[in-house]
């Protein structure tokens, strides 16, 4: 029995040593970066930028694979089902709504959060001839008669922009069960329909509404961030207008499948922090209209768990 135990212990020791050597050599081959969105959009643009930066720091090609089918569900499913060996990574964005709306079957627990690098605040947009000149006027009127106004979701009503607005309405003690939120074909189409008289409010990023704001057809009543945007300095923040200290909108971060070895997770987090602090990376992000936001792996995971809880509660209240 003692001999058998000795052989077993030796075998385990060799296995651990070989595993440690493999981790020390990671990455030995190209990586795949899943982008759960089509080519040409914001998630694709930031994903390709990160892929280039990661290649320089990891010493291996990082191949971007776009999987935007099903509103991104296909991409997220690929991320969560992949082997946690460090060779499949993904760009995650607001995804807490998929499961409660029956669109996907994945949670924060199915991912290894690496780092958040982006945050784009939502904006509250109305027609130029709207009777509302401030967001407090709009919120008070919606609170008084929630069913009287048509609010565009842009795309699906569980997405980042409508959930941002729903969170604000909840803070304003609006009866969410009576709010009329209508899905559509994206923010651009919703803005055009609003200009034509079809919607009263479109929540989306300010840059998306920028051309119509500059054309004098849309006015932005508030940006849901902590600071005014440099490109739109006349649009006040939520805190300025309402006193509420809320930051609401869309975010993006790097993730891997759950179960990623800690050594690899640490290497990726270190690479991401170096990328985020690089002046050229920041200038490129800002010049392309993307906001910057850093959360390390621990803070990112806490953020994701909190959002998962809050969003799923909101979706239940909205009856989506």
Protein backbone atom coordinates (compact mmCIF):
# COMPACT_ATOMS: atom_id res chain seq x y z
CA UNK A 1 0.00 0.00 0.00
CA UNK A 2 2.83 2.37 0.77
CA UNK A 3 4.39 1.67 -2.65
CA UNK A 4 1.06 2.27 -4.42
CA UNK A 5 0.61 5.53 -2.55
CA UNK A 6 4.11 6.61 -3.51
CA UNK A 7 3.48 5.91 -7.21
CA UNK A 8 0.17 7.77 -7.09
CA UNK A 9 1.71 10.76 -5.36
CA UNK A 10 4.53 10.81 -7.90
CA UNK A 11 2.05 10.67 -10.79
CA UNK A 12 0.04 13.53 -9.33
CA UNK A 13 3.21 15.51 -8.86
CA UNK A 14 4.18 15.02 -12.49
CA UNK A 15 0.68 16.03 -13.62
CA UNK A 16 0.79 19.19 -11.58
CA UNK A 17 4.25 20.01 -12.88
CA UNK A 18 3.20 19.49 -16.49
CA UNK A 19 0.05 21.56 -15.97
CA UNK A 20 2.09 24.35 -14.41
CA UNK A 21 4.52 24.27 -17.31
CA UNK A 22 1.65 24.50 -19.79
CA UNK A 23 0.22 27.50 -17.99
CA UNK A 24 3.64 29.14 -17.85
CA UNK A 25 3.92 28.81 -21.64
CA UNK A 26 0.46 30.20 -22.39
CA UNK A 27 -0.30 31.33 -25.01
CA UNK A 28 1.39 28.91 -27.40
CA UNK A 29 -1.00 29.41 -30.32
CA UNK A 30 -3.46 32.00 -31.72
CA UNK A 31 -6.42 33.13 -29.63
CA UNK A 32 -10.03 33.65 -30.71
CA UNK A 33 -11.93 36.76 -29.64
CA UNK A 34 -15.71 36.33 -29.92
CA UNK A 35 -17.57 39.55 -30.73
CA UNK A 36 -21.31 38.96 -30.19
CA UNK A 37 -22.25 41.59 -32.76
CA UNK A 38 -22.02 42.14 -36.48
CA UNK A 39 -19.11 43.78 -38.26
CA UNK A 40 -18.99 47.57 -38.32
CA UNK A 41 -20.71 48.40 -35.04
CA UNK A 42 -19.29 49.74 -31.81
CA UNK A 43 -18.68 46.36 -30.19
CA UNK A 44 -16.89 45.16 -33.31
CA UNK A 45 -14.77 48.33 -33.49
CA UNK A 46 -13.61 48.16 -29.88
CA UNK A 47 -13.12 44.39 -30.12
CA UNK A 48 -10.82 44.72 -33.11
CA UNK A 49 -8.89 47.47 -31.38
CA UNK A 50 -8.43 45.25 -28.32
CA UNK A 51 -7.43 42.29 -30.48
CA UNK A 52 -4.62 44.32 -32.00
CA UNK A 53 -3.44 45.51 -28.59
CA UNK A 54 -3.61 42.03 -27.06
CA UNK A 55 -1.58 40.59 -29.93
CA UNK A 56 1.25 42.99 -29.12
CA UNK A 57 1.26 42.05 -25.45
CA UNK A 58 0.62 38.29 -25.67
CA UNK A 59 2.83 37.58 -28.66
CA UNK A 60 0.16 35.57 -30.52
CA UNK A 61 -2.45 36.46 -33.17
CA UNK A 62 -5.91 37.26 -31.79
CA UNK A 63 -8.55 36.40 -34.39
CA UNK A 64 -11.86 38.26 -34.18
CA UNK A 65 -14.96 36.18 -34.89
CA UNK A 66 -18.25 38.06 -35.27
CA UNK A 67 -21.30 36.18 -33.96
CA UNK A 68 -24.14 38.67 -33.81
CA UNK A 69 -26.88 36.19 -34.67
CA UNK A 70 -29.87 36.18 -32.35
CA UNK A 71 -29.06 39.67 -31.10
CA UNK A 72 -25.72 38.41 -29.78
CA UNK A 73 -27.05 35.26 -28.12
CA UNK A 74 -24.99 33.03 -30.43
CA UNK A 75 -21.79 34.84 -29.47
CA UNK A 76 -22.46 34.72 -25.74
CA UNK A 77 -23.34 31.02 -25.99
CA UNK A 78 -20.04 30.34 -27.76
CA UNK A 79 -18.15 32.20 -25.02
CA UNK A 80 -19.80 30.35 -22.17
CA UNK A 81 -19.56 26.90 -23.83
CA UNK A 82 -15.88 27.18 -24.82
CA UNK A 83 -13.08 25.36 -23.03
CA UNK A 84 -11.64 27.60 -20.28
CA UNK A 85 -8.10 27.25 -21.57
CA UNK A 86 -7.41 30.89 -22.36
CA UNK A 87 -7.71 30.48 -26.11
CA UNK A 88 -11.31 31.67 -26.42
CA UNK A 89 -12.09 35.14 -25.11
CA UNK A 90 -15.05 37.42 -25.69
CA UNK A 91 -16.29 40.98 -25.62
CA UNK A 92 -19.26 41.18 -23.27
CA UNK A 93 -21.83 43.96 -23.08
CA UNK A 94 -25.17 44.39 -21.27
CA UNK A 95 -26.51 40.82 -21.31
CA UNK A 96 -28.47 40.34 -18.08
CA UNK A 97 -31.80 40.53 -19.93
CA UNK A 98 -31.30 37.53 -22.20
CA UNK A 99 -32.16 34.78 -19.72
CA UNK A 100 -35.30 36.24 -18.09
CA UNK A 101 -36.65 37.13 -21.55
CA UNK A 102 -36.11 33.55 -22.73
CA UNK A 103 -33.50 34.51 -25.32
CA UNK A 104 -30.48 32.75 -23.83
CA UNK A 105 -29.40 30.49 -21.00
CA UNK A 106 -26.30 32.05 -19.44
CA UNK A 107 -25.44 34.05 -16.36
CA UNK A 108 -22.51 35.95 -14.91
CA UNK A 109 -21.51 32.67 -13.25
CA UNK A 110 -20.83 31.20 -16.71
CA UNK A 111 -18.07 33.73 -17.39
CA UNK A 112 -14.70 34.79 -15.99
CA UNK A 113 -14.71 38.62 -15.93
CA UNK A 114 -11.30 40.01 -16.90
CA UNK A 115 -11.78 43.79 -17.09
CA UNK A 116 -14.19 46.50 -18.18
CA UNK A 117 -12.76 49.10 -20.55
CA UNK A 118 -15.75 51.05 -21.89
CA UNK A 119 -18.88 52.87 -20.75
CA UNK A 120 -21.17 54.94 -22.98
CA UNK A 121 -23.88 56.84 -21.12
CA UNK A 122 -27.45 56.81 -22.35
CA UNK A 123 -29.19 60.00 -23.38
CA UNK A 124 -32.81 61.16 -23.17
CA UNK A 125 -33.92 62.48 -26.57
CA UNK A 126 -37.11 64.17 -27.74
CA UNK A 127 -38.28 66.04 -30.84
CA UNK A 128 -37.10 69.60 -31.23
CA UNK A 129 -40.72 70.82 -30.99
CA UNK A 130 -41.45 68.78 -27.86
CA UNK A 131 -43.16 70.65 -25.05
CA UNK A 132 -40.46 69.36 -22.72
CA UNK A 133 -37.47 71.62 -22.22
CA UNK A 134 -35.99 69.66 -19.30
CA UNK A 135 -35.88 66.05 -18.27
CA UNK A 136 -37.58 66.84 -14.97
CA UNK A 137 -40.61 68.13 -16.89
CA UNK A 138 -40.66 64.94 -18.92
CA UNK A 139 -40.28 62.67 -15.89
CA UNK A 140 -43.04 64.45 -14.00
CA UNK A 141 -45.45 64.16 -16.94
CA UNK A 142 -44.63 60.49 -17.51
CA UNK A 143 -45.10 59.83 -13.80
CA UNK A 144 -48.52 61.53 -13.87
CA UNK A 145 -49.72 59.46 -16.84
CA UNK A 146 -47.28 56.68 -17.79
CA UNK A 147 -49.47 55.18 -20.50
CA UNK A 148 -49.83 58.47 -22.38
CA UNK A 149 -46.37 58.45 -23.93
CA UNK A 150 -44.64 56.18 -26.44
CA UNK A 151 -41.04 55.35 -25.56
CA UNK A 152 -38.83 53.65 -28.14
CA UNK A 153 -36.65 50.76 -27.09
CA UNK A 154 -34.57 51.11 -30.25
CA UNK A 155 -33.99 47.38 -30.56
CA UNK A 156 -35.23 44.94 -27.94
CA UNK A 157 -36.73 46.37 -24.77
CA UNK A 158 -34.27 44.52 -22.57
CA UNK A 159 -31.26 46.29 -24.08
CA UNK A 160 -28.94 48.83 -22.51
CA UNK A 161 -30.73 52.04 -23.49
CA UNK A 162 -34.32 51.13 -22.49
CA UNK A 163 -33.10 49.48 -19.27
CA UNK A 164 -31.18 52.68 -18.45
CA UNK A 165 -34.35 54.71 -18.88
CA UNK A 166 -36.44 52.18 -16.96
CA UNK A 167 -33.99 52.44 -14.07
CA UNK A 168 -34.37 56.22 -14.07
CA UNK A 169 -38.18 55.98 -14.23
CA UNK A 170 -38.14 53.58 -11.29
CA UNK A 171 -36.02 56.05 -9.30
CA UNK A 172 -38.61 58.73 -10.17
CA UNK A 173 -41.31 56.43 -8.77
CA UNK A 174 -43.04 55.96 -12.11
CA UNK A 175 -45.40 52.98 -12.34
CA UNK A 176 -43.36 50.86 -14.74
CA UNK A 177 -46.20 48.43 -15.31
CA UNK A 178 -48.05 51.22 -17.15
CA UNK A 179 -45.15 52.54 -19.23
CA UNK A 180 -45.44 52.08 -23.01
CA UNK A 181 -42.06 50.86 -24.29
CA UNK A 182 -42.04 49.74 -27.93
CA UNK A 183 -39.36 47.60 -29.61
CA UNK A 184 -38.03 48.44 -33.06
CA UNK A 185 -35.17 48.18 -35.51
CA UNK A 186 -32.50 50.08 -33.63
CA UNK A 187 -31.81 53.58 -32.36
CA UNK A 188 -31.33 55.19 -35.79
CA UNK A 189 -34.73 54.00 -37.03
CA UNK A 190 -36.40 54.99 -33.74
CA UNK A 191 -34.96 58.51 -33.91
CA UNK A 192 -36.23 58.96 -37.46
CA UNK A 193 -39.65 57.71 -36.44
CA UNK A 194 -39.68 60.09 -33.47
CA UNK A 195 -38.90 63.04 -35.75
CA UNK A 196 -41.87 61.96 -37.88
CA UNK A 197 -44.10 61.98 -34.79
CA UNK A 198 -44.10 58.28 -33.95
CA UNK A 199 -42.40 58.36 -30.53
CA UNK A 200 -42.22 60.81 -27.65
CA UNK A 201 -38.86 59.66 -26.27
CA UNK A 202 -35.87 57.75 -27.62
CA UNK A 203 -33.22 56.67 -25.11
CA UNK A 204 -29.89 56.02 -26.82
CA UNK A 205 -26.33 57.29 -26.82
CA UNK A 206 -25.89 60.97 -27.57
CA UNK A 207 -23.53 60.34 -30.53
CA UNK A 208 -26.24 58.19 -32.16
CA UNK A 209 -28.62 61.15 -31.97
CA UNK A 210 -25.86 63.63 -32.83
CA UNK A 211 -26.65 64.18 -36.53
CA UNK A 212 -30.31 64.92 -35.79
CA UNK A 213 -29.38 67.16 -32.86
CA UNK A 214 -27.02 69.11 -35.10
CA UNK A 215 -29.75 69.28 -37.77
CA UNK A 216 -32.13 70.87 -35.27
CA UNK A 217 -34.64 68.03 -35.36
CA UNK A 218 -33.90 66.42 -31.98
CA UNK A 219 -32.90 67.81 -28.61
CA UNK A 220 -31.11 65.94 -25.86
CA UNK A 221 -32.46 66.71 -22.41
CA UNK A 222 -29.88 64.80 -20.37
CA UNK A 223 -26.91 62.49 -20.56
CA UNK A 224 -26.86 59.64 -18.03
CA UNK A 225 -23.21 60.01 -17.07
CA UNK A 226 -21.20 61.79 -14.40
CA UNK A 227 -19.93 64.48 -16.79
CA UNK A 228 -21.16 66.37 -19.83
CA UNK A 229 -19.84 65.05 -23.12
CA UNK A 230 -17.11 67.11 -24.76
CA UNK A 231 -18.83 66.89 -28.13
CA UNK A 232 -22.21 67.96 -26.69
CA UNK A 233 -21.43 70.40 -23.87
CA UNK A 234 -24.93 71.90 -23.83
CA UNK A 235 -26.61 68.66 -22.73
CA UNK A 236 -26.70 68.50 -18.90
CA UNK A 237 -26.11 65.42 -16.78
CA UNK A 238 -28.83 63.65 -14.82
CA UNK A 239 -27.34 64.83 -11.56
CA UNK A 240 -27.40 68.46 -12.71
CA UNK A 241 -31.06 68.21 -13.68
CA UNK A 242 -32.50 65.80 -11.13
CA UNK A 243 -30.00 65.52 -8.30
CA UNK A 244 -29.78 61.75 -8.88
CA UNK A 245 -26.25 60.35 -8.92
CA UNK A 246 -26.84 57.71 -11.59
CA UNK A 247 -24.57 56.44 -14.35
CA UNK A 248 -26.61 54.40 -16.80
CA UNK A 249 -25.88 53.14 -20.28
CA UNK A 250 -23.93 50.60 -22.28
CA UNK A 251 -20.65 49.01 -21.25
CA UNK A 252 -18.13 46.59 -22.74
CA UNK A 253 -15.54 44.34 -21.15
CA UNK A 254 -13.26 41.39 -21.78
CA UNK A 255 -14.40 37.99 -20.48
CA UNK A 256 -13.50 34.31 -20.76
CA UNK A 257 -15.43 31.11 -20.02
CA UNK A 258 -15.95 30.22 -16.36
CA UNK A 259 -13.19 28.09 -14.90
CA UNK A 260 -10.29 29.95 -16.50
CA UNK A 261 -7.07 29.17 -14.57
CA UNK A 262 -6.17 32.05 -12.27
CA UNK A 263 -2.68 32.35 -13.77
CA UNK A 264 -4.12 33.04 -17.22
CA UNK A 265 -6.78 35.37 -15.83
CA UNK A 266 -4.06 37.36 -14.08
CA UNK A 267 -2.00 37.62 -17.26
CA UNK A 268 -5.01 38.85 -19.21
CA UNK A 269 -5.95 41.38 -16.55
CA UNK A 270 -2.39 42.73 -16.50
CA UNK A 271 -2.44 43.04 -20.30
CA UNK A 272 -5.81 44.80 -20.20
CA UNK A 273 -4.66 47.28 -17.59
CA UNK A 274 -1.60 48.09 -19.67
CA UNK A 275 -3.79 48.55 -22.76
CA UNK A 276 -6.28 50.75 -20.93
CA UNK A 277 -3.56 53.03 -19.58
CA UNK A 278 -1.91 53.38 -22.98
CA UNK A 279 -2.34 56.95 -24.23
CA UNK A 280 -2.72 55.90 -27.87
CA UNK A 281 -5.48 53.44 -26.97
CA UNK A 282 -7.37 56.09 -25.02
CA UNK A 283 -7.04 58.65 -27.80
CA UNK A 284 -8.26 56.14 -30.36
CA UNK A 285 -11.27 55.21 -28.25
CA UNK A 286 -12.24 58.83 -27.62
CA UNK A 287 -11.69 59.88 -31.24
CA UNK A 288 -14.10 57.14 -32.32
CA UNK A 289 -16.73 58.30 -29.84
CA UNK A 290 -16.30 55.59 -27.18
CA UNK A 291 -16.22 56.35 -23.49
CA UNK A 292 -13.56 54.96 -21.19
CA UNK A 293 -14.18 53.13 -17.94
CA UNK A 294 -11.82 50.83 -16.03
CA UNK A 295 -12.89 48.07 -13.68
CA UNK A 296 -10.47 45.33 -12.71
CA UNK A 297 -11.61 41.71 -12.58
CA UNK A 298 -12.94 41.85 -9.03
CA UNK A 299 -14.80 45.15 -9.49
CA UNK A 300 -16.08 44.05 -12.89
CA UNK A 301 -17.53 40.85 -11.43
CA UNK A 302 -19.23 42.76 -8.62
CA UNK A 303 -20.66 45.21 -11.17
CA UNK A 304 -21.97 42.37 -13.35
CA UNK A 305 -23.64 40.58 -10.45
CA UNK A 306 -25.33 43.78 -9.28
CA UNK A 307 -26.53 44.55 -12.80
CA UNK A 308 -27.82 41.00 -13.24
CA UNK A 309 -29.98 41.36 -10.13
CA UNK A 310 -31.24 44.86 -10.93
CA UNK A 311 -32.00 44.25 -14.60
CA UNK A 312 -33.89 41.04 -13.97
CA UNK A 313 -36.00 42.75 -11.34
CA UNK A 314 -36.77 45.57 -13.79
CA UNK A 315 -37.73 43.15 -16.56
CA UNK A 316 -40.16 41.45 -14.23
CA UNK A 317 -41.70 44.79 -13.29
CA UNK A 318 -41.97 45.85 -16.94
CA UNK A 319 -43.58 42.53 -17.81
CA UNK A 320 -41.15 41.84 -20.64
